[in-house]
Amino acid sequence: INSEENIDPTELEYDVINALKRKDLVLLTQNVYKGEAIVFRECFIKLKTLNNKILHQKNYMKVLDKLGLMDDYNIVALEKIIQICKKSDDGKYALSLSPTSLRNPFFLIKIKELFYKNESVKNRIILILNENEYYPRIDRYSSILEQLKSFGIMIALDRLGSIHTTFLYLRDLNIDMVRFDSFYSKNIDESRGRNIISGFNIMAHEKGVKT
């Protein structure tokens, strides 16, 4: 399988559209540990073209947004992870998903249908949220996340500490876990880094949120 190099924009759009139609995804996982135990497997999605080229997210995400295909992509990705989840043990799988899609009522209906048809994956899927701007209709957003949690979906907030929005969401939303921004975790061996991580831990744990 070859990685893409310089793809013509028109060709890239064609490849993205057809990969979604065929639901031709490549799914890679990375284990997340607590000690020696695997807590969950984080999933990374790539698209595959007809001639077996791999399309990386950094190249196709803007195309999805431009063509209005983000919701379709997220559903196909969820379907893929549910299939893998059903074939595996009782492990958990995490996927980054567009918060904009989550706030689309039609997308929410599709998710509801997916999880009603696949009861066996209840409490085994984690959706990771990463958003730069604070969504002002926070009560509505909170209600949507509660619906997702009622389906057996866990909610994680990514890059805590990277921007002010992450702290506001930790305060205002009922989430299950947070991941610190890598800037702090990379500097955890330094005294200042340890102190910041310790503060984040206290903040999250007081809300009953795992870190």
N, C-alpha and C. Protein backbone atom coordinates (compact mmCIF):
# COMPACT_ATOMS: atom_id res chain seq x y z
N ILE A 1 0.85 -1.19 0.00
CA ILE A 1 0.00 0.00 0.00
C ILE A 1 0.89 1.24 0.00
N ASN A 2 0.59 2.14 -0.89
CA ASN A 2 1.41 3.34 -1.02
C ASN A 2 0.74 4.54 -0.37
N SER A 3 1.55 5.41 0.23
CA SER A 3 1.03 6.66 0.76
C SER A 3 0.94 7.68 -0.36
N GLU A 4 0.00 8.63 -0.20
CA GLU A 4 -0.13 9.62 -1.26
C GLU A 4 0.98 10.65 -1.15
N GLU A 5 1.37 11.18 -2.28
CA GLU A 5 2.39 12.21 -2.28
C GLU A 5 1.70 13.54 -2.63
N ASN A 6 1.88 14.02 -3.83
CA ASN A 6 1.20 15.24 -4.24
C ASN A 6 -0.01 14.88 -5.09
N ILE A 7 -1.20 14.97 -4.51
CA ILE A 7 -2.41 14.60 -5.22
C ILE A 7 -3.11 15.85 -5.71
N ASP A 8 -3.53 15.81 -6.94
CA ASP A 8 -4.30 16.91 -7.51
C ASP A 8 -5.56 17.10 -6.68
N PRO A 9 -5.96 18.36 -6.35
CA PRO A 9 -7.14 18.60 -5.51
C PRO A 9 -8.41 17.95 -6.04
N THR A 10 -8.61 18.00 -7.36
CA THR A 10 -9.80 17.38 -7.96
C THR A 10 -9.74 15.86 -7.79
N GLU A 11 -8.57 15.30 -7.98
CA GLU A 11 -8.39 13.86 -7.81
C GLU A 11 -8.61 13.45 -6.35
N LEU A 12 -8.12 14.31 -5.44
CA LEU A 12 -8.28 14.03 -4.02
C LEU A 12 -9.77 14.01 -3.64
N GLU A 13 -10.52 14.98 -4.14
CA GLU A 13 -11.97 15.00 -3.86
C GLU A 13 -12.63 13.74 -4.39
N TYR A 14 -12.26 13.35 -5.60
CA TYR A 14 -12.83 12.13 -6.20
C TYR A 14 -12.51 10.92 -5.33
N ASP A 15 -11.26 10.82 -4.87
CA ASP A 15 -10.84 9.68 -4.06
C ASP A 15 -11.58 9.64 -2.72
N VAL A 16 -11.75 10.79 -2.11
CA VAL A 16 -12.43 10.86 -0.81
C VAL A 16 -13.89 10.44 -0.96
N ILE A 17 -14.57 10.98 -1.98
CA ILE A 17 -15.98 10.65 -2.20
C ILE A 17 -16.16 9.16 -2.42
N ASN A 18 -15.30 8.58 -3.25
CA ASN A 18 -15.44 7.16 -3.58
C ASN A 18 -15.03 6.25 -2.42
N ALA A 19 -14.06 6.67 -1.65
CA ALA A 19 -13.67 5.88 -0.47
C ALA A 19 -14.83 5.80 0.52
N LEU A 20 -15.54 6.91 0.68
CA LEU A 20 -16.69 6.92 1.59
C LEU A 20 -17.83 6.05 1.04
N LYS A 21 -18.06 6.15 -0.26
CA LYS A 21 -19.11 5.33 -0.87
C LYS A 21 -18.83 3.85 -0.68
N ARG A 22 -17.56 3.47 -0.81
CA ARG A 22 -17.17 2.06 -0.65
C ARG A 22 -16.97 1.69 0.82
N LYS A 23 -16.95 2.70 1.68
CA LYS A 23 -16.66 2.50 3.10
C LYS A 23 -15.30 1.81 3.25
N ASP A 24 -14.36 2.30 2.45
CA ASP A 24 -13.03 1.69 2.41
C ASP A 24 -12.10 2.47 3.34
N LEU A 25 -12.06 2.04 4.59
CA LEU A 25 -11.26 2.70 5.60
C LEU A 25 -10.13 1.78 6.07
N VAL A 26 -9.04 2.41 6.46
CA VAL A 26 -7.96 1.68 7.15
C VAL A 26 -7.97 2.17 8.59
N LEU A 27 -8.12 1.25 9.52
CA LEU A 27 -8.21 1.62 10.93
C LEU A 27 -6.98 1.11 11.68
N LEU A 28 -6.25 2.04 12.30
CA LEU A 28 -5.11 1.71 13.13
C LEU A 28 -5.46 1.99 14.58
N THR A 29 -4.92 1.21 15.49
CA THR A 29 -5.20 1.44 16.91
C THR A 29 -3.91 1.60 17.69
N GLN A 30 -4.01 2.36 18.76
CA GLN A 30 -2.88 2.56 19.68
C GLN A 30 -3.39 2.31 21.09
N ASN A 31 -2.74 1.41 21.81
CA ASN A 31 -3.17 1.08 23.16
C ASN A 31 -2.86 2.20 24.14
N VAL A 32 -3.80 2.46 25.05
CA VAL A 32 -3.60 3.42 26.13
C VAL A 32 -3.60 2.62 27.43
N TYR A 33 -2.54 2.78 28.21
CA TYR A 33 -2.33 1.92 29.38
C TYR A 33 -2.54 2.65 30.70
N LYS A 34 -2.92 1.87 31.71
CA LYS A 34 -2.81 2.27 33.11
C LYS A 34 -1.95 1.20 33.76
N GLY A 35 -0.70 1.54 34.05
CA GLY A 35 0.24 0.51 34.46
C GLY A 35 0.50 -0.41 33.28
N GLU A 36 0.27 -1.70 33.46
CA GLU A 36 0.45 -2.65 32.37
C GLU A 36 -0.87 -3.05 31.73
N ALA A 37 -1.97 -2.55 32.26
CA ALA A 37 -3.29 -2.92 31.74
C ALA A 37 -3.73 -1.95 30.65
N ILE A 38 -4.31 -2.47 29.59
CA ILE A 38 -4.85 -1.63 28.51
C ILE A 38 -6.18 -1.06 28.95
N VAL A 39 -6.28 0.27 28.98
CA VAL A 39 -7.53 0.93 29.37
C VAL A 39 -8.48 1.02 28.18
N PHE A 40 -7.93 1.45 27.04
CA PHE A 40 -8.70 1.47 25.80
C PHE A 40 -7.74 1.53 24.62
N ARG A 41 -8.32 1.36 23.43
CA ARG A 41 -7.53 1.45 22.20
C ARG A 41 -8.01 2.67 21.42
N GLU A 42 -7.11 3.60 21.18
CA GLU A 42 -7.49 4.79 20.41
C GLU A 42 -7.39 4.47 18.92
N CYS A 43 -8.42 4.85 18.17
CA CYS A 43 -8.51 4.52 16.75
C CYS A 43 -8.13 5.70 15.88
N PHE A 44 -7.40 5.42 14.82
CA PHE A 44 -7.01 6.43 13.84
C PHE A 44 -7.47 5.95 12.47
N ILE A 45 -8.17 6.81 11.76
CA ILE A 45 -8.79 6.44 10.49
C ILE A 45 -8.03 7.03 9.31
N LYS A 46 -7.82 6.19 8.30
CA LYS A 46 -7.30 6.65 7.01
C LYS A 46 -8.23 6.11 5.92
N LEU A 47 -8.27 6.80 4.80
CA LEU A 47 -9.08 6.36 3.66
C LEU A 47 -8.19 5.68 2.64
N LYS A 48 -8.77 4.75 1.89
CA LYS A 48 -7.99 4.04 0.88
C LYS A 48 -8.62 4.25 -0.49
N THR A 49 -7.79 4.58 -1.48
CA THR A 49 -8.28 4.82 -2.83
C THR A 49 -8.39 3.50 -3.60
N LEU A 50 -8.96 3.58 -4.80
CA LEU A 50 -9.14 2.38 -5.63
C LEU A 50 -7.80 1.72 -5.99
N ASN A 51 -6.76 2.56 -6.12
CA ASN A 51 -5.44 2.00 -6.46
C ASN A 51 -4.56 1.81 -5.22
N ASN A 52 -5.24 1.67 -4.06
CA ASN A 52 -4.58 1.31 -2.80
C ASN A 52 -3.65 2.37 -2.23
N LYS A 53 -3.85 3.62 -2.60
CA LYS A 53 -3.13 4.70 -1.93
C LYS A 53 -3.83 4.99 -0.61
N ILE A 54 -3.04 5.38 0.39
CA ILE A 54 -3.60 5.72 1.69
C ILE A 54 -3.72 7.24 1.80
N LEU A 55 -4.91 7.70 2.16
CA LEU A 55 -5.15 9.13 2.36
C LEU A 55 -5.13 9.41 3.86
N HIS A 56 -4.23 10.29 4.27
CA HIS A 56 -4.09 10.61 5.68
C HIS A 56 -5.05 11.74 6.07
N GLN A 57 -5.42 11.77 7.34
CA GLN A 57 -6.39 12.76 7.81
C GLN A 57 -5.97 14.19 7.52
N LYS A 58 -4.68 14.48 7.66
CA LYS A 58 -4.22 15.85 7.45
C LYS A 58 -4.52 16.33 6.03
N ASN A 59 -4.70 15.38 5.09
CA ASN A 59 -5.00 15.75 3.71
C ASN A 59 -6.49 15.70 3.38
N TYR A 60 -7.22 14.79 3.98
CA TYR A 60 -8.62 14.66 3.55
C TYR A 60 -9.66 15.34 4.45
N MET A 61 -9.28 15.75 5.66
CA MET A 61 -10.28 16.36 6.55
C MET A 61 -10.83 17.67 5.98
N LYS A 62 -9.96 18.47 5.39
CA LYS A 62 -10.43 19.74 4.80
C LYS A 62 -11.35 19.48 3.61
N VAL A 63 -11.08 18.40 2.89
CA VAL A 63 -11.94 18.03 1.75
C VAL A 63 -13.33 17.63 2.25
N LEU A 64 -13.37 16.85 3.32
CA LEU A 64 -14.66 16.44 3.90
C LEU A 64 -15.48 17.67 4.32
N ASP A 65 -14.79 18.60 4.95
CA ASP A 65 -15.46 19.82 5.40
C ASP A 65 -15.96 20.64 4.22
N LYS A 66 -15.13 20.77 3.20
CA LYS A 66 -15.48 21.55 2.01
C LYS A 66 -16.69 20.95 1.29
N LEU A 67 -16.74 19.62 1.20
CA LEU A 67 -17.81 18.94 0.46
C LEU A 67 -19.03 18.62 1.32
N GLY A 68 -18.98 18.99 2.58
CA GLY A 68 -20.11 18.72 3.47
C GLY A 68 -20.29 17.24 3.77
N LEU A 69 -19.18 16.51 3.83
CA LEU A 69 -19.24 15.06 4.01
C LEU A 69 -18.77 14.61 5.40
N MET A 70 -18.59 15.56 6.31
CA MET A 70 -18.06 15.21 7.62
C MET A 70 -18.99 14.25 8.38
N ASP A 71 -20.29 14.49 8.31
CA ASP A 71 -21.24 13.61 9.00
C ASP A 71 -21.17 12.19 8.44
N ASP A 72 -21.13 12.08 7.11
CA ASP A 72 -21.06 10.76 6.47
C ASP A 72 -19.78 10.04 6.89
N TYR A 73 -18.69 10.77 6.92
CA TYR A 73 -17.40 10.19 7.31
C TYR A 73 -17.45 9.67 8.75
N ASN A 74 -18.00 10.48 9.64
CA ASN A 74 -18.05 10.08 11.05
C ASN A 74 -18.92 8.85 11.26
N ILE A 75 -20.02 8.75 10.52
CA ILE A 75 -20.89 7.57 10.64
C ILE A 75 -20.17 6.32 10.13
N VAL A 76 -19.50 6.44 8.96
CA VAL A 76 -18.78 5.30 8.40
C VAL A 76 -17.67 4.86 9.36
N ALA A 77 -16.98 5.83 9.96
CA ALA A 77 -15.91 5.51 10.91
C ALA A 77 -16.47 4.80 12.13
N LEU A 78 -17.62 5.27 12.63
CA LEU A 78 -18.26 4.63 13.78
C LEU A 78 -18.69 3.20 13.45
N GLU A 79 -19.24 3.03 12.26
CA GLU A 79 -19.67 1.69 11.83
C GLU A 79 -18.47 0.74 11.82
N LYS A 80 -17.34 1.23 11.32
CA LYS A 80 -16.13 0.41 11.24
C LYS A 80 -15.66 0.00 12.63
N ILE A 81 -15.66 0.95 13.55
CA ILE A 81 -15.20 0.66 14.90
C ILE A 81 -16.15 -0.28 15.63
N ILE A 82 -17.45 -0.13 15.39
CA ILE A 82 -18.43 -1.03 15.99
C ILE A 82 -18.20 -2.46 15.50
N GLN A 83 -17.92 -2.60 14.20
CA GLN A 83 -17.65 -3.94 13.63
C GLN A 83 -16.43 -4.57 14.31
N ILE A 84 -15.37 -3.78 14.47
CA ILE A 84 -14.16 -4.30 15.10
C ILE A 84 -14.41 -4.62 16.57
N CYS A 85 -15.15 -3.74 17.21
CA CYS A 85 -15.48 -3.92 18.63
C CYS A 85 -16.24 -5.23 18.84
N LYS A 86 -17.17 -5.54 17.96
CA LYS A 86 -17.98 -6.75 18.09
C LYS A 86 -17.17 -8.01 17.87
N LYS A 87 -16.10 -7.91 17.08
CA LYS A 87 -15.27 -9.08 16.79
C LYS A 87 -14.17 -9.31 17.83
N SER A 88 -13.98 -8.31 18.71
CA SER A 88 -12.86 -8.38 19.64
C SER A 88 -13.34 -8.81 21.03
N ASP A 89 -12.47 -8.68 22.00
CA ASP A 89 -12.81 -9.00 23.38
C ASP A 89 -13.68 -7.89 23.96
N ASP A 90 -13.63 -7.71 25.27
CA ASP A 90 -14.47 -6.69 25.90
C ASP A 90 -13.76 -5.35 26.05
N GLY A 91 -12.73 -5.11 25.25
CA GLY A 91 -11.99 -3.86 25.34
C GLY A 91 -12.78 -2.67 24.84
N LYS A 92 -12.30 -1.47 25.20
CA LYS A 92 -12.93 -0.22 24.80
C LYS A 92 -12.15 0.39 23.63
N TYR A 93 -12.88 1.13 22.77
CA TYR A 93 -12.29 1.78 21.61
C TYR A 93 -12.66 3.26 21.60
N ALA A 94 -11.68 4.11 21.33
CA ALA A 94 -11.89 5.56 21.34
C ALA A 94 -11.67 6.14 19.96
N LEU A 95 -12.50 7.12 19.61
CA LEU A 95 -12.43 7.76 18.29
C LEU A 95 -12.67 9.25 18.42
N SER A 96 -11.80 10.06 17.81
CA SER A 96 -12.04 11.50 17.74
C SER A 96 -13.17 11.76 16.75
N LEU A 97 -14.12 12.58 17.16
CA LEU A 97 -15.30 12.83 16.33
C LEU A 97 -15.64 14.31 16.34
N SER A 98 -16.08 14.82 15.21
CA SER A 98 -16.38 16.24 15.08
C SER A 98 -17.54 16.66 15.98
N PRO A 99 -17.33 17.61 16.91
CA PRO A 99 -18.43 18.10 17.74
C PRO A 99 -19.55 18.73 16.92
N THR A 100 -19.19 19.31 15.78
CA THR A 100 -20.22 19.89 14.90
C THR A 100 -21.19 18.82 14.42
N SER A 101 -20.67 17.64 14.09
CA SER A 101 -21.53 16.53 13.69
C SER A 101 -22.45 16.12 14.83
N LEU A 102 -21.89 16.05 16.03
CA LEU A 102 -22.69 15.64 17.19
C LEU A 102 -23.87 16.56 17.42
N ARG A 103 -23.71 17.82 17.09
CA ARG A 103 -24.79 18.79 17.34
C ARG A 103 -25.80 18.84 16.20
N ASN A 104 -25.60 17.99 15.19
CA ASN A 104 -26.55 17.87 14.09
C ASN A 104 -27.62 16.84 14.49
N PRO A 105 -28.91 17.26 14.60
CA PRO A 105 -29.94 16.33 15.07
C PRO A 105 -30.10 15.09 14.20
N PHE A 106 -29.88 15.23 12.89
CA PHE A 106 -30.01 14.07 11.99
C PHE A 106 -28.86 13.08 12.23
N PHE A 107 -27.69 13.61 12.52
CA PHE A 107 -26.54 12.76 12.83
C PHE A 107 -26.80 12.00 14.13
N LEU A 108 -27.40 12.68 15.08
CA LEU A 108 -27.70 12.06 16.37
C LEU A 108 -28.68 10.91 16.21
N ILE A 109 -29.63 11.07 15.32
CA ILE A 109 -30.60 9.99 15.04
C ILE A 109 -29.87 8.77 14.48
N LYS A 110 -28.92 9.01 13.57
CA LYS A 110 -28.16 7.89 12.98
C LYS A 110 -27.34 7.15 14.04
N ILE A 111 -26.74 7.91 14.95
CA ILE A 111 -25.97 7.28 16.03
C ILE A 111 -26.89 6.43 16.90
N LYS A 112 -28.05 6.98 17.21
CA LYS A 112 -29.02 6.25 18.04
C LYS A 112 -29.39 4.93 17.38
N GLU A 113 -29.65 4.96 16.08
CA GLU A 113 -30.01 3.74 15.35
C GLU A 113 -28.85 2.73 15.38
N LEU A 114 -27.63 3.24 15.20
CA LEU A 114 -26.45 2.37 15.20
C LEU A 114 -26.30 1.61 16.51
N PHE A 115 -26.48 2.32 17.61
CA PHE A 115 -26.25 1.70 18.91
C PHE A 115 -27.42 0.85 19.37
N TYR A 116 -28.62 1.15 18.89
CA TYR A 116 -29.76 0.28 19.19
C TYR A 116 -29.61 -1.07 18.49
N LYS A 117 -28.97 -1.04 17.31
CA LYS A 117 -28.77 -2.28 16.55
C LYS A 117 -27.55 -3.07 17.06
N ASN A 118 -26.73 -2.44 17.88
CA ASN A 118 -25.49 -3.08 18.32
C ASN A 118 -25.34 -2.95 19.84
N GLU A 119 -26.24 -3.57 20.55
CA GLU A 119 -26.26 -3.49 22.01
C GLU A 119 -24.96 -4.00 22.64
N SER A 120 -24.29 -4.92 21.96
CA SER A 120 -23.10 -5.55 22.55
C SER A 120 -21.93 -4.58 22.73
N VAL A 121 -21.97 -3.43 22.04
CA VAL A 121 -20.87 -2.48 22.17
C VAL A 121 -21.16 -1.39 23.20
N LYS A 122 -22.27 -1.54 23.91
CA LYS A 122 -22.62 -0.55 24.92
C LYS A 122 -21.51 -0.46 25.96
N ASN A 123 -21.15 0.79 26.31
CA ASN A 123 -20.09 1.08 27.28
C ASN A 123 -18.70 0.65 26.81
N ARG A 124 -18.53 0.52 25.49
CA ARG A 124 -17.22 0.14 24.95
C ARG A 124 -16.69 1.14 23.93
N ILE A 125 -17.48 2.19 23.64
CA ILE A 125 -17.07 3.20 22.66
C ILE A 125 -16.88 4.54 23.38
N ILE A 126 -15.74 5.17 23.12
CA ILE A 126 -15.44 6.49 23.69
C ILE A 126 -15.32 7.49 22.54
N LEU A 127 -16.05 8.58 22.62
CA LEU A 127 -15.94 9.64 21.62
C LEU A 127 -15.07 10.76 22.20
N ILE A 128 -14.02 11.11 21.48
CA ILE A 128 -13.08 12.14 21.93
C ILE A 128 -13.43 13.46 21.24
N LEU A 129 -13.66 14.49 22.04
CA LEU A 129 -14.05 15.80 21.52
C LEU A 129 -12.88 16.77 21.59
N ASN A 130 -12.68 17.50 20.51
CA ASN A 130 -11.62 18.50 20.44
C ASN A 130 -12.17 19.70 19.69
N GLU A 131 -12.31 20.82 20.38
CA GLU A 131 -12.96 21.99 19.77
C GLU A 131 -12.30 23.27 20.25
N ASN A 132 -11.99 24.15 19.33
CA ASN A 132 -11.30 25.39 19.69
C ASN A 132 -12.24 26.46 20.23
N GLU A 133 -13.44 26.54 19.67
CA GLU A 133 -14.39 27.58 20.06
C GLU A 133 -15.44 27.03 21.00
N TYR A 134 -15.80 27.81 22.02
CA TYR A 134 -16.83 27.41 22.98
C TYR A 134 -18.20 27.53 22.33
N TYR A 135 -18.98 26.44 22.39
CA TYR A 135 -20.32 26.44 21.81
C TYR A 135 -21.27 27.14 22.78
N PRO A 136 -21.87 28.27 22.38
CA PRO A 136 -22.64 29.10 23.34
C PRO A 136 -23.93 28.46 23.86
N ARG A 137 -24.56 27.60 23.06
CA ARG A 137 -25.81 26.96 23.51
C ARG A 137 -25.45 25.72 24.34
N ILE A 138 -24.84 25.99 25.48
CA ILE A 138 -24.24 24.92 26.26
C ILE A 138 -25.28 23.96 26.83
N ASP A 139 -26.47 24.44 27.15
CA ASP A 139 -27.52 23.56 27.66
C ASP A 139 -27.92 22.53 26.62
N ARG A 140 -28.01 22.98 25.37
CA ARG A 140 -28.35 22.05 24.29
C ARG A 140 -27.23 21.04 24.08
N TYR A 141 -26.01 21.52 24.12
CA TYR A 141 -24.85 20.64 23.95
C TYR A 141 -24.82 19.59 25.06
N SER A 142 -25.07 20.05 26.28
CA SER A 142 -25.08 19.15 27.43
C SER A 142 -26.16 18.08 27.27
N SER A 143 -27.32 18.48 26.77
CA SER A 143 -28.43 17.55 26.56
C SER A 143 -28.05 16.49 25.52
N ILE A 144 -27.35 16.90 24.47
CA ILE A 144 -26.92 15.96 23.42
C ILE A 144 -25.96 14.93 24.00
N LEU A 145 -25.00 15.38 24.80
CA LEU A 145 -24.04 14.46 25.38
C LEU A 145 -24.72 13.49 26.34
N GLU A 146 -25.74 13.96 27.05
CA GLU A 146 -26.47 13.07 27.95
C GLU A 146 -27.21 11.99 27.14
N GLN A 147 -27.73 12.37 25.98
CA GLN A 147 -28.37 11.38 25.12
C GLN A 147 -27.35 10.32 24.67
N LEU A 148 -26.17 10.77 24.28
CA LEU A 148 -25.13 9.84 23.85
C LEU A 148 -24.75 8.89 24.98
N LYS A 149 -24.63 9.44 26.18
CA LYS A 149 -24.28 8.61 27.33
C LYS A 149 -25.38 7.60 27.63
N SER A 150 -26.63 7.96 27.34
CA SER A 150 -27.73 7.01 27.55
C SER A 150 -27.68 5.86 26.56
N PHE A 151 -27.00 6.05 25.43
CA PHE A 151 -26.81 4.97 24.46
C PHE A 151 -25.67 4.03 24.88
N GLY A 152 -24.94 4.42 25.93
CA GLY A 152 -23.79 3.63 26.35
C GLY A 152 -22.49 4.12 25.76
N ILE A 153 -22.46 5.41 25.37
CA ILE A 153 -21.25 6.02 24.81
C ILE A 153 -20.56 6.85 25.89
N MET A 154 -19.26 6.72 26.00
CA MET A 154 -18.49 7.54 26.94
C MET A 154 -17.91 8.74 26.21
N ILE A 155 -17.77 9.85 26.93
CA ILE A 155 -17.31 11.11 26.33
C ILE A 155 -15.98 11.52 26.95
N ALA A 156 -15.02 11.81 26.07
CA ALA A 156 -13.70 12.27 26.52
C ALA A 156 -13.42 13.66 25.93
N LEU A 157 -12.76 14.48 26.71
CA LEU A 157 -12.37 15.82 26.26
C LEU A 157 -10.87 15.82 26.01
N ASP A 158 -10.47 16.23 24.82
CA ASP A 158 -9.06 16.17 24.43
C ASP A 158 -8.34 17.49 24.70
N ARG A 159 -7.04 17.39 24.92
CA ARG A 159 -6.11 18.53 25.00
C ARG A 159 -6.49 19.52 26.10
N LEU A 160 -6.83 18.99 27.29
CA LEU A 160 -7.13 19.88 28.40
C LEU A 160 -5.94 20.78 28.68
N GLY A 161 -6.18 22.07 28.75
CA GLY A 161 -5.12 23.03 29.02
C GLY A 161 -4.56 23.71 27.79
N SER A 162 -4.95 23.23 26.60
CA SER A 162 -4.41 23.84 25.38
C SER A 162 -5.03 25.21 25.12
N ILE A 163 -6.33 25.31 25.38
CA ILE A 163 -7.05 26.57 25.20
C ILE A 163 -8.09 26.70 26.31
N HIS A 164 -8.62 27.89 26.49
CA HIS A 164 -9.57 28.15 27.57
C HIS A 164 -10.86 27.34 27.41
N THR A 165 -11.22 27.03 26.17
CA THR A 165 -12.45 26.28 25.90
C THR A 165 -12.47 24.95 26.65
N THR A 166 -11.32 24.28 26.74
CA THR A 166 -11.30 22.97 27.40
C THR A 166 -11.69 23.08 28.87
N PHE A 167 -11.26 24.15 29.55
CA PHE A 167 -11.62 24.33 30.95
C PHE A 167 -13.12 24.64 31.10
N LEU A 168 -13.65 25.41 30.16
CA LEU A 168 -15.08 25.73 30.20
C LEU A 168 -15.92 24.47 30.00
N TYR A 169 -15.50 23.61 29.08
CA TYR A 169 -16.23 22.37 28.84
C TYR A 169 -16.12 21.42 30.02
N LEU A 170 -14.95 21.38 30.66
CA LEU A 170 -14.80 20.55 31.85
C LEU A 170 -15.75 21.04 32.94
N ARG A 171 -15.91 22.34 33.03
CA ARG A 171 -16.81 22.93 34.03
C ARG A 171 -18.27 22.69 33.70
N ASP A 172 -18.64 22.81 32.41
CA ASP A 172 -20.05 22.89 32.04
C ASP A 172 -20.66 21.59 31.53
N LEU A 173 -19.83 20.62 31.12
CA LEU A 173 -20.37 19.40 30.51
C LEU A 173 -20.10 18.19 31.39
N ASN A 174 -20.98 17.22 31.30
CA ASN A 174 -20.83 15.97 32.04
C ASN A 174 -20.05 14.98 31.17
N ILE A 175 -18.73 14.97 31.35
CA ILE A 175 -17.88 14.10 30.54
C ILE A 175 -17.28 13.01 31.43
N ASP A 176 -16.71 12.00 30.80
CA ASP A 176 -16.19 10.85 31.55
C ASP A 176 -14.69 10.91 31.78
N MET A 177 -13.96 11.51 30.83
CA MET A 177 -12.51 11.55 30.97
C MET A 177 -11.92 12.71 30.19
N VAL A 178 -10.72 13.10 30.56
CA VAL A 178 -10.00 14.15 29.83
C VAL A 178 -8.59 13.66 29.53
N ARG A 179 -8.02 14.22 28.48
CA ARG A 179 -6.61 13.97 28.17
C ARG A 179 -5.91 15.33 28.17
N PHE A 180 -4.78 15.39 28.87
CA PHE A 180 -4.05 16.65 28.95
C PHE A 180 -3.39 16.98 27.62
N ASP A 181 -3.21 18.25 27.37
CA ASP A 181 -2.47 18.66 26.19
C ASP A 181 -1.05 18.12 26.30
N SER A 182 -0.52 17.64 25.17
CA SER A 182 0.80 16.97 25.18
C SER A 182 1.93 17.89 25.63
N PHE A 183 1.73 19.19 25.54
CA PHE A 183 2.77 20.13 25.99
C PHE A 183 3.11 19.88 27.46
N TYR A 184 2.08 19.61 28.27
CA TYR A 184 2.29 19.41 29.71
C TYR A 184 2.82 18.02 30.00
N SER A 185 2.25 17.02 29.32
CA SER A 185 2.69 15.65 29.60
C SER A 185 4.13 15.41 29.15
N LYS A 186 4.58 16.11 28.11
CA LYS A 186 5.96 15.96 27.65
C LYS A 186 6.94 16.56 28.65
N ASN A 187 6.46 17.52 29.43
CA ASN A 187 7.33 18.19 30.39
C ASN A 187 7.03 17.76 31.83
N ILE A 188 6.45 16.56 31.98
CA ILE A 188 6.01 16.12 33.30
C ILE A 188 7.18 15.87 34.24
N ASP A 189 8.37 15.62 33.70
CA ASP A 189 9.54 15.36 34.55
C ASP A 189 10.08 16.64 35.18
N GLU A 190 9.66 17.78 34.64
CA GLU A 190 10.10 19.04 35.23
C GLU A 190 9.14 19.40 36.37
N SER A 191 9.65 20.09 37.35
CA SER A 191 8.86 20.44 38.53
C SER A 191 7.59 21.22 38.15
N ARG A 192 7.75 22.19 37.26
CA ARG A 192 6.60 23.00 36.85
C ARG A 192 5.57 22.14 36.13
N GLY A 193 6.05 21.23 35.26
CA GLY A 193 5.14 20.35 34.54
C GLY A 193 4.36 19.46 35.48
N ARG A 194 5.05 18.92 36.50
CA ARG A 194 4.39 18.05 37.48
C ARG A 194 3.32 18.82 38.24
N ASN A 195 3.62 20.06 38.62
CA ASN A 195 2.67 20.86 39.38
C ASN A 195 1.42 21.17 38.56
N ILE A 196 1.62 21.46 37.27
CA ILE A 196 0.47 21.77 36.41
C ILE A 196 -0.40 20.55 36.23
N ILE A 197 0.23 19.39 35.94
CA ILE A 197 -0.51 18.15 35.78
C ILE A 197 -1.27 17.81 37.07
N SER A 198 -0.63 18.01 38.20
CA SER A 198 -1.26 17.75 39.50
C SER A 198 -2.50 18.62 39.68
N GLY A 199 -2.39 19.88 39.28
CA GLY A 199 -3.54 20.79 39.37
C GLY A 199 -4.68 20.38 38.46
N PHE A 200 -4.33 19.97 37.24
CA PHE A 200 -5.35 19.48 36.31
C PHE A 200 -6.05 18.24 36.86
N ASN A 201 -5.25 17.36 37.46
CA ASN A 201 -5.81 16.13 38.03
C ASN A 201 -6.83 16.44 39.11
N ILE A 202 -6.46 17.33 40.01
CA ILE A 202 -7.37 17.70 41.10
C ILE A 202 -8.67 18.30 40.54
N MET A 203 -8.52 19.19 39.58
CA MET A 203 -9.67 19.84 38.96
C MET A 203 -10.63 18.82 38.36
N ALA A 204 -10.08 17.85 37.61
CA ALA A 204 -10.91 16.85 36.95
C ALA A 204 -11.49 15.85 37.95
N HIS A 205 -10.66 15.37 38.88
CA HIS A 205 -11.11 14.34 39.81
C HIS A 205 -12.20 14.85 40.74
N GLU A 206 -12.19 16.15 41.04
CA GLU A 206 -13.26 16.71 41.88
C GLU A 206 -14.61 16.67 41.18
N LYS A 207 -14.57 16.58 39.86
CA LYS A 207 -15.82 16.43 39.08
C LYS A 207 -16.12 14.96 38.76
N GLY A 208 -15.30 14.06 39.27
CA GLY A 208 -15.50 12.65 38.99
C GLY A 208 -15.08 12.24 37.60
N VAL A 209 -14.15 13.01 37.01
CA VAL A 209 -13.70 12.77 35.64
C VAL A 209 -12.34 12.07 35.67
N LYS A 210 -12.17 11.00 34.90
CA LYS A 210 -10.90 10.30 34.82
C LYS A 210 -9.93 11.10 33.96
N THR A 211 -8.63 10.91 34.22
CA THR A 211 -7.60 11.63 33.48
C THR A 211 -6.59 10.68 32.91
